[in-house]
Amino acid sequence: MKRALAILLVLFAPLTQAGGSFSVDIEFAPIKVQIPELWQSITTAFVLESSGGASMIGNTVNERLGHRRVGPYCLAGKPKGQKGQNTFLFCFNTEYQWFGEKGQKSTLEEAFDVKERFLSLEITPLKYVP
């Protein structure tokens, strides 16, 4: 168990150290397709930014996938009709599956592609606005 945890920390630590911006219409599009009802519910009630922050695969970890954005994908937003600054952070958590050159399951270091599956949504208040 300890060995498995150590391997996970080594594999995913580089993802959390680097970040980058993403576009809702480009990098986040495959996740939106997985959650159409949830996405519609959120965007009916809230105004979300069109870009946000996500983890980024570093070139030193995998040169082929370097600079690719992966979840969690976080967007700032506020309730529709609310004036002023964004008051919530919406983070869409995903799970990764790495694929080799011929489509077989792989490790991050050896991967040629990654597919993500939506896992959960976290909504965090940024600032209380009376």
Protein backbone atom coordinates (compact mmCIF):
# COMPACT_ATOMS: atom_id res chain seq x y z
CA MET A 1 0.00 0.00 0.00
CA LYS A 2 2.79 2.44 0.88
CA ARG A 3 4.59 1.62 -2.37
CA ALA A 4 1.43 2.26 -4.41
CA LEU A 5 0.94 5.61 -2.67
CA ALA A 6 4.56 6.56 -3.33
CA ILE A 7 4.19 5.71 -7.03
CA LEU A 8 1.02 7.82 -7.29
CA LEU A 9 2.73 10.77 -5.63
CA VAL A 10 5.67 10.55 -8.01
CA LEU A 11 3.41 10.27 -11.07
CA PHE A 12 1.02 13.05 -10.24
CA ALA A 13 3.24 15.50 -8.35
CA PRO A 14 4.50 17.04 -11.62
CA LEU A 15 0.92 17.72 -12.70
CA THR A 16 0.15 19.73 -9.62
CA GLN A 17 3.35 21.76 -9.75
CA ALA A 18 2.63 23.38 -13.09
CA GLY A 19 -0.52 25.10 -14.13
CA GLY A 20 -1.87 26.91 -17.09
CA SER A 21 -4.95 28.55 -18.45
CA PHE A 22 -7.51 26.69 -20.51
CA SER A 23 -10.43 27.62 -22.72
CA VAL A 24 -13.90 26.32 -21.92
CA ASP A 25 -14.57 25.88 -25.64
CA ILE A 26 -11.31 24.05 -26.43
CA GLU A 27 -9.54 22.08 -23.68
CA PHE A 28 -12.66 21.71 -21.51
CA ALA A 29 -15.01 20.74 -24.38
CA PRO A 30 -14.60 16.93 -23.91
CA ILE A 31 -15.64 17.26 -20.26
CA LYS A 32 -18.68 19.42 -21.11
CA VAL A 33 -19.85 16.69 -23.49
CA GLN A 34 -19.78 14.18 -20.59
CA ILE A 35 -21.96 16.34 -18.31
CA PRO A 36 -24.50 18.19 -20.47
CA GLU A 37 -27.27 18.41 -17.85
CA LEU A 38 -24.92 19.52 -15.08
CA TRP A 39 -23.25 22.07 -17.37
CA GLN A 40 -26.63 23.48 -18.43
CA SER A 41 -27.80 23.72 -14.81
CA ILE A 42 -24.68 25.59 -13.78
CA THR A 43 -24.68 27.98 -16.72
CA THR A 44 -28.41 28.67 -16.27
CA ALA A 45 -27.82 29.89 -12.72
CA PHE A 46 -24.26 31.26 -12.91
CA VAL A 47 -22.05 33.34 -15.16
CA LEU A 48 -18.71 31.54 -15.57
CA GLU A 49 -15.50 32.88 -17.03
CA SER A 50 -14.64 31.60 -20.53
CA SER A 51 -11.18 30.52 -19.39
CA GLY A 52 -9.73 29.24 -16.15
CA GLY A 53 -6.88 27.36 -14.54
CA ALA A 54 -5.92 23.71 -14.96
CA SER A 55 -3.01 21.42 -14.29
CA MET A 56 -0.44 21.21 -17.04
CA ILE A 57 1.77 18.27 -18.00
CA GLY A 58 5.38 19.40 -18.02
CA ASN A 59 7.77 18.76 -20.91
CA THR A 60 10.20 17.08 -18.54
CA VAL A 61 7.54 14.55 -17.53
CA ASN A 62 6.35 13.74 -21.05
CA GLU A 63 7.67 15.65 -24.04
CA ARG A 64 4.84 14.45 -26.32
CA LEU A 65 2.10 15.69 -23.99
CA GLY A 66 4.05 18.66 -22.63
CA HIS A 67 1.91 21.75 -21.98
CA ARG A 68 -1.33 19.73 -22.31
CA ARG A 69 -3.97 20.86 -19.81
CA VAL A 70 -5.69 18.26 -17.62
CA GLY A 71 -8.11 18.47 -14.69
CA PRO A 72 -9.02 19.70 -12.31
CA TYR A 73 -10.41 22.52 -14.45
CA CYS A 74 -11.32 25.55 -12.32
CA LEU A 75 -13.49 28.49 -13.39
CA ALA A 76 -14.48 31.57 -11.43
CA GLY A 77 -18.10 32.63 -11.55
CA LYS A 78 -20.99 34.37 -9.87
CA PRO A 79 -24.77 34.03 -9.75
CA LYS A 80 -26.53 35.56 -12.75
CA GLY A 81 -27.66 39.10 -12.01
CA GLN A 82 -25.03 39.62 -9.30
CA LYS A 83 -22.92 42.72 -9.79
CA GLY A 84 -19.27 42.90 -8.91
CA GLN A 85 -16.56 40.29 -8.66
CA ASN A 86 -16.82 36.53 -9.02
CA THR A 87 -17.76 34.90 -5.75
CA PHE A 88 -17.36 31.18 -6.46
CA LEU A 89 -14.74 28.83 -7.86
CA PHE A 90 -16.09 25.83 -9.80
CA CYS A 91 -13.54 22.99 -10.03
CA PHE A 92 -14.34 20.03 -12.27
CA ASN A 93 -12.32 17.02 -11.11
CA THR A 94 -11.35 14.35 -13.62
CA GLU A 95 -9.58 11.01 -13.70
CA TYR A 96 -6.91 10.30 -16.30
CA GLN A 97 -6.26 7.30 -18.50
CA TRP A 98 -2.94 7.31 -20.33
CA PHE A 99 -2.54 5.66 -23.75
CA GLY A 100 0.54 4.55 -25.66
CA GLU A 101 1.38 5.00 -29.32
CA LYS A 102 -0.84 2.07 -30.40
CA GLY A 103 -3.77 2.90 -28.11
CA GLN A 104 -2.78 0.55 -25.29
CA LYS A 105 -2.93 1.62 -21.63
CA SER A 106 0.27 3.32 -20.59
CA THR A 107 1.99 5.35 -17.93
CA LEU A 108 2.19 9.13 -17.95
CA GLU A 109 5.86 9.08 -18.93
CA GLU A 110 5.30 6.73 -21.90
CA ALA A 111 1.90 8.07 -23.04
CA PHE A 112 1.08 9.52 -26.43
CA ASP A 113 -2.46 10.51 -25.44
CA VAL A 114 -4.66 11.02 -22.39
CA LYS A 115 -8.42 10.66 -21.97
CA GLU A 116 -10.26 12.17 -19.02
CA ARG A 117 -13.46 11.20 -17.30
CA PHE A 118 -15.47 13.63 -15.17
CA LEU A 119 -15.52 12.62 -11.49
CA SER A 120 -16.95 15.46 -9.42
CA LEU A 121 -17.59 19.16 -9.08
CA GLU A 122 -16.42 21.30 -6.16
CA ILE A 123 -17.91 24.75 -5.63
CA THR A 124 -15.98 26.95 -3.25
CA PRO A 125 -16.97 30.44 -2.09
CA LEU A 126 -14.29 32.99 -2.96
CA LYS A 127 -15.65 35.98 -1.10
CA TYR A 128 -18.84 36.71 0.75
CA VAL A 129 -20.79 39.54 -0.87
CA PRO A 130 -23.68 40.91 1.24
